[in-house]
Amino acid sequence: MALPNDSIMLLSVVNLKLRDFYKNLDALCEDLDADKADLCAKLRAVGYEYDAQRNQFV
């Protein structure tokens, strides 16, 4: 599955997938063949950071 390019849509899709399907961000990135650093940078640019404890971007 290709992740959305729009940052807000990306946030929504990633948080939904983390909540429903993946135990952590590493598992999501590995399964979707996504670059973790790029994903985090895109979401950081709109004010969101990954919280491992909550397993979501906040």
PDB file of N, CA and C in Angstrom:
ATOM      1  N   MET A   1       0.845  -1.189   0.000  1.00  0.00           N
ATOM      2  CA  MET A   1       0.000   0.000   0.000  1.00  0.00           C
ATOM      3  C   MET A   1       0.882   1.240   0.000  1.00  0.00           C
ATOM      4  N   ALA A   2       0.581   2.165  -0.873  1.00  0.00           N
ATOM      5  CA  ALA A   2       1.296   3.433  -0.901  1.00  0.00           C
ATOM      6  C   ALA A   2       0.687   4.366   0.147  1.00  0.00           C
ATOM      7  N   LEU A   3       1.538   4.989   0.907  1.00  0.00           N
ATOM      8  CA  LEU A   3       1.062   5.939   1.910  1.00  0.00           C
ATOM      9  C   LEU A   3       0.750   7.274   1.240  1.00  0.00           C
ATOM     10  N   PRO A   4      -0.219   8.010   1.761  1.00  0.00           N
ATOM     11  CA  PRO A   4      -0.584   9.304   1.162  1.00  0.00           C
ATOM     12  C   PRO A   4       0.565  10.305   1.215  1.00  0.00           C
ATOM     13  N   ASN A   5       0.601  11.216   0.264  1.00  0.00           N
ATOM     14  CA  ASN A   5       1.617  12.277   0.254  1.00  0.00           C
ATOM     15  C   ASN A   5       1.209  13.454   1.127  1.00  0.00           C
ATOM     16  N   ASP A   6      -0.088  13.718   1.219  1.00  0.00           N
ATOM     17  CA  ASP A   6      -0.589  14.805   2.052  1.00  0.00           C
ATOM     18  C   ASP A   6      -0.292  14.486   3.522  1.00  0.00           C
ATOM     19  N   SER A   7       0.345  15.403   4.219  1.00  0.00           N
ATOM     20  CA  SER A   7       0.792  15.155   5.599  1.00  0.00           C
ATOM     21  C   SER A   7      -0.333  14.821   6.568  1.00  0.00           C
ATOM     22  N   ILE A   8      -1.456  15.502   6.455  1.00  0.00           N
ATOM     23  CA  ILE A   8      -2.564  15.251   7.391  1.00  0.00           C
ATOM     24  C   ILE A   8      -3.218  13.902   7.094  1.00  0.00           C
ATOM     25  N   MET A   9      -3.369  13.569   5.821  1.00  0.00           N
ATOM     26  CA  MET A   9      -3.893  12.248   5.461  1.00  0.00           C
ATOM     27  C   MET A   9      -2.908  11.159   5.902  1.00  0.00           C
ATOM     28  N   LEU A  10      -1.625  11.435   5.749  1.00  0.00           N
ATOM     29  CA  LEU A  10      -0.590  10.496   6.187  1.00  0.00           C
ATOM     30  C   LEU A  10      -0.706  10.247   7.683  1.00  0.00           C
ATOM     31  N   LEU A  11      -0.864  11.298   8.452  1.00  0.00           N
ATOM     32  CA  LEU A  11      -1.031  11.179   9.901  1.00  0.00           C
ATOM     33  C   LEU A  11      -2.215  10.288  10.233  1.00  0.00           C
ATOM     34  N   SER A  12      -3.326  10.531   9.589  1.00  0.00           N
ATOM     35  CA  SER A  12      -4.533   9.760   9.857  1.00  0.00           C
ATOM     36  C   SER A  12      -4.338   8.276   9.530  1.00  0.00           C
ATOM     37  N   VAL A  13      -3.793   7.989   8.365  1.00  0.00           N
ATOM     38  CA  VAL A  13      -3.595   6.600   7.948  1.00  0.00           C
ATOM     39  C   VAL A  13      -2.595   5.895   8.856  1.00  0.00           C
ATOM     40  N   VAL A  14      -1.485   6.547   9.148  1.00  0.00           N
ATOM     41  CA  VAL A  14      -0.448   5.922   9.976  1.00  0.00           C
ATOM     42  C   VAL A  14      -0.969   5.658  11.380  1.00  0.00           C
ATOM     43  N   ASN A  15      -1.644   6.623  11.989  1.00  0.00           N
ATOM     44  CA  ASN A  15      -2.162   6.397  13.344  1.00  0.00           C
ATOM     45  C   ASN A  15      -3.224   5.298  13.372  1.00  0.00           C
ATOM     46  N   LEU A  16      -4.055   5.239  12.349  1.00  0.00           N
ATOM     47  CA  LEU A  16      -5.049   4.171  12.272  1.00  0.00           C
ATOM     48  C   LEU A  16      -4.352   2.805  12.170  1.00  0.00           C
ATOM     49  N   LYS A  17      -3.366   2.712  11.301  1.00  0.00           N
ATOM     50  CA  LYS A  17      -2.656   1.443  11.127  1.00  0.00           C
ATOM     51  C   LYS A  17      -1.883   1.054  12.387  1.00  0.00           C
ATOM     52  N   LEU A  18      -1.281   2.033  13.055  1.00  0.00           N
ATOM     53  CA  LEU A  18      -0.578   1.731  14.306  1.00  0.00           C
ATOM     54  C   LEU A  18      -1.560   1.221  15.358  1.00  0.00           C
ATOM     55  N   ARG A  19      -2.694   1.843  15.429  1.00  0.00           N
ATOM     56  CA  ARG A  19      -3.706   1.444  16.418  1.00  0.00           C
ATOM     57  C   ARG A  19      -4.255   0.047  16.140  1.00  0.00           C
ATOM     58  N   ASP A  20      -4.557  -0.232  14.875  1.00  0.00           N
ATOM     59  CA  ASP A  20      -5.283  -1.453  14.545  1.00  0.00           C
ATOM     60  C   ASP A  20      -4.425  -2.639  14.109  1.00  0.00           C
ATOM     61  N   PHE A  21      -3.226  -2.388  13.593  1.00  0.00           N
ATOM     62  CA  PHE A  21      -2.489  -3.480  12.972  1.00  0.00           C
ATOM     63  C   PHE A  21      -1.042  -3.687  13.418  1.00  0.00           C
ATOM     64  N   TYR A  22      -0.387  -2.688  13.976  1.00  0.00           N
ATOM     65  CA  TYR A  22       1.054  -2.787  14.240  1.00  0.00           C
ATOM     66  C   TYR A  22       1.381  -2.489  15.696  1.00  0.00           C
ATOM     67  N   LYS A  23       2.330  -3.245  16.222  1.00  0.00           N
ATOM     68  CA  LYS A  23       2.722  -3.056  17.622  1.00  0.00           C
ATOM     69  C   LYS A  23       3.653  -1.864  17.809  1.00  0.00           C
ATOM     70  N   ASN A  24       4.293  -1.410  16.717  1.00  0.00           N
ATOM     71  CA  ASN A  24       5.161  -0.242  16.802  1.00  0.00           C
ATOM     72  C   ASN A  24       5.454   0.309  15.411  1.00  0.00           C
ATOM     73  N   LEU A  25       6.113   1.445  15.380  1.00  0.00           N
ATOM     74  CA  LEU A  25       6.411   2.115  14.117  1.00  0.00           C
ATOM     75  C   LEU A  25       7.368   1.298  13.258  1.00  0.00           C
ATOM     76  N   ASP A  26       8.317   0.626  13.864  1.00  0.00           N
ATOM     77  CA  ASP A  26       9.250  -0.205  13.101  1.00  0.00           C
ATOM     78  C   ASP A  26       8.518  -1.300  12.331  1.00  0.00           C
ATOM     79  N   ALA A  27       7.551  -1.951  12.963  1.00  0.00           N
ATOM     80  CA  ALA A  27       6.786  -3.017  12.308  1.00  0.00           C
ATOM     81  C   ALA A  27       5.988  -2.456  11.134  1.00  0.00           C
ATOM     82  N   LEU A  28       5.380  -1.287  11.316  1.00  0.00           N
ATOM     83  CA  LEU A  28       4.628  -0.656  10.237  1.00  0.00           C
ATOM     84  C   LEU A  28       5.543  -0.354   9.055  1.00  0.00           C
ATOM     85  N   CYS A  29       6.677   0.285   9.323  1.00  0.00           N
ATOM     86  CA  CYS A  29       7.601   0.663   8.250  1.00  0.00           C
ATOM     87  C   CYS A  29       8.142  -0.562   7.523  1.00  0.00           C
ATOM     88  N   GLU A  30       8.455  -1.602   8.261  1.00  0.00           N
ATOM     89  CA  GLU A  30       8.971  -2.809   7.639  1.00  0.00           C
ATOM     90  C   GLU A  30       7.914  -3.446   6.735  1.00  0.00           C
ATOM     91  N   ASP A  31       6.705  -3.562   7.231  1.00  0.00           N
ATOM     92  CA  ASP A  31       5.641  -4.216   6.478  1.00  0.00           C
ATOM     93  C   ASP A  31       5.238  -3.412   5.238  1.00  0.00           C
ATOM     94  N   LEU A  32       5.205  -2.083   5.361  1.00  0.00           N
ATOM     95  CA  LEU A  32       4.782  -1.234   4.256  1.00  0.00           C
ATOM     96  C   LEU A  32       5.956  -0.758   3.401  1.00  0.00           C
ATOM     97  N   ASP A  33       7.167  -1.211   3.739  1.00  0.00           N
ATOM     98  CA  ASP A  33       8.384  -0.818   3.028  1.00  0.00           C
ATOM     99  C   ASP A  33       8.494   0.704   2.959  1.00  0.00           C
ATOM    100  N   ALA A  34       8.263   1.330   4.119  1.00  0.00           N
ATOM    101  CA  ALA A  34       8.334   2.792   4.230  1.00  0.00           C
ATOM    102  C   ALA A  34       9.622   3.190   4.938  1.00  0.00           C
ATOM    103  N   ASP A  35      10.179   4.309   4.548  1.00  0.00           N
ATOM    104  CA  ASP A  35      11.381   4.831   5.185  1.00  0.00           C
ATOM    105  C   ASP A  35      10.982   5.543   6.485  1.00  0.00           C
ATOM    106  N   LYS A  36      11.417   5.004   7.599  1.00  0.00           N
ATOM    107  CA  LYS A  36      11.016   5.522   8.909  1.00  0.00           C
ATOM    108  C   LYS A  36      11.448   6.978   9.097  1.00  0.00           C
ATOM    109  N   ALA A  37      12.685   7.298   8.727  1.00  0.00           N
ATOM    110  CA  ALA A  37      13.189   8.667   8.897  1.00  0.00           C
ATOM    111  C   ALA A  37      12.386   9.653   8.057  1.00  0.00           C
ATOM    112  N   ASP A  38      12.057   9.269   6.832  1.00  0.00           N
ATOM    113  CA  ASP A  38      11.269  10.132   5.949  1.00  0.00           C
ATOM    114  C   ASP A  38       9.857  10.332   6.497  1.00  0.00           C
ATOM    115  N   LEU A  39       9.253   9.254   6.948  1.00  0.00           N
ATOM    116  CA  LEU A  39       7.905   9.320   7.524  1.00  0.00           C
ATOM    117  C   LEU A  39       7.892  10.245   8.741  1.00  0.00           C
ATOM    118  N   CYS A  40       8.843  10.059   9.639  1.00  0.00           N
ATOM    119  CA  CYS A  40       8.910  10.900  10.844  1.00  0.00           C
ATOM    120  C   CYS A  40       9.162  12.364  10.481  1.00  0.00           C
ATOM    121  N   ALA A  41      10.016  12.609   9.476  1.00  0.00           N
ATOM    122  CA  ALA A  41      10.314  13.980   9.061  1.00  0.00           C
ATOM    123  C   ALA A  41       9.070  14.658   8.484  1.00  0.00           C
ATOM    124  N   LYS A  42       8.305  13.940   7.671  1.00  0.00           N
ATOM    125  CA  LYS A  42       7.085  14.511   7.092  1.00  0.00           C
ATOM    126  C   LYS A  42       6.092  14.889   8.182  1.00  0.00           C
ATOM    127  N   LEU A  43       5.947  14.030   9.186  1.00  0.00           N
ATOM    128  CA  LEU A  43       4.981  14.313  10.248  1.00  0.00           C
ATOM    129  C   LEU A  43       5.526  15.341  11.246  1.00  0.00           C
ATOM    130  N   ARG A  44       6.819  15.369  11.436  1.00  0.00           N
ATOM    131  CA  ARG A  44       7.425  16.383  12.305  1.00  0.00           C
ATOM    132  C   ARG A  44       7.216  17.775  11.703  1.00  0.00           C
ATOM    133  N   ALA A  45       7.245  17.854  10.375  1.00  0.00           N
ATOM    134  CA  ALA A  45       7.071  19.134   9.682  1.00  0.00           C
ATOM    135  C   ALA A  45       5.694  19.751   9.940  1.00  0.00           C
ATOM    136  N   VAL A  46       4.718  18.932  10.293  1.00  0.00           N
ATOM    137  CA  VAL A  46       3.384  19.453  10.614  1.00  0.00           C
ATOM    138  C   VAL A  46       3.076  19.354  12.110  1.00  0.00           C
ATOM    139  N   GLY A  47       4.142  19.169  12.910  1.00  0.00           N
ATOM    140  CA  GLY A  47       3.998  19.257  14.360  1.00  0.00           C
ATOM    141  C   GLY A  47       3.735  17.972  15.115  1.00  0.00           C
ATOM    142  N   TYR A  48       4.000  16.822  14.504  1.00  0.00           N
ATOM    143  CA  TYR A  48       3.723  15.549  15.178  1.00  0.00           C
ATOM    144  C   TYR A  48       4.988  14.732  15.361  1.00  0.00           C
ATOM    145  N   GLU A  49       5.114  14.115  16.524  1.00  0.00           N
ATOM    146  CA  GLU A  49       6.241  13.241  16.854  1.00  0.00           C
ATOM    147  C   GLU A  49       5.691  11.884  17.260  1.00  0.00           C
ATOM    148  N   TYR A  50       6.440  10.832  16.979  1.00  0.00           N
ATOM    149  CA  TYR A  50       6.016   9.492  17.367  1.00  0.00           C
ATOM    150  C   TYR A  50       6.227   9.298  18.863  1.00  0.00           C
ATOM    151  N   ASP A  51       5.201   8.845  19.549  1.00  0.00           N
ATOM    152  CA  ASP A  51       5.245   8.517  20.971  1.00  0.00           C
ATOM    153  C   ASP A  51       5.166   6.994  21.074  1.00  0.00           C
ATOM    154  N   ALA A  52       6.302   6.361  21.376  1.00  0.00           N
ATOM    155  CA  ALA A  52       6.370   4.889  21.419  1.00  0.00           C
ATOM    156  C   ALA A  52       5.461   4.326  22.507  1.00  0.00           C
ATOM    157  N   GLN A  53       5.352   5.012  23.603  1.00  0.00           N
ATOM    158  CA  GLN A  53       4.500   4.536  24.694  1.00  0.00           C
ATOM    159  C   GLN A  53       3.035   4.435  24.263  1.00  0.00           C
ATOM    160  N   ARG A  54       2.588   5.436  23.519  1.00  0.00           N
ATOM    161  CA  ARG A  54       1.203   5.462  23.048  1.00  0.00           C
ATOM    162  C   ARG A  54       1.048   4.789  21.685  1.00  0.00           C
ATOM    163  N   ASN A  55       2.168   4.519  21.013  1.00  0.00           N
ATOM    164  CA  ASN A  55       2.200   3.936  19.682  1.00  0.00           C
ATOM    165  C   ASN A  55       1.350   4.742  18.707  1.00  0.00           C
ATOM    166  N   GLN A  56       1.623   6.051  18.706  1.00  0.00           N
ATOM    167  CA  GLN A  56       0.941   6.934  17.771  1.00  0.00           C
ATOM    168  C   GLN A  56       1.729   8.236  17.645  1.00  0.00           C
ATOM    169  N   PHE A  57       1.407   8.970  16.603  1.00  0.00           N
ATOM    170  CA  PHE A  57       1.987  10.303  16.432  1.00  0.00           C
ATOM    171  C   PHE A  57       1.084  11.292  17.142  1.00  0.00           C
ATOM    172  N   VAL A  58       1.678  12.113  17.988  1.00  0.00           N
ATOM    173  CA  VAL A  58       0.927  13.099  18.769  1.00  0.00           C
ATOM    174  C   VAL A  58       1.564  14.467  18.627  1.00  0.00           C
TER     175      VAL A  58
END
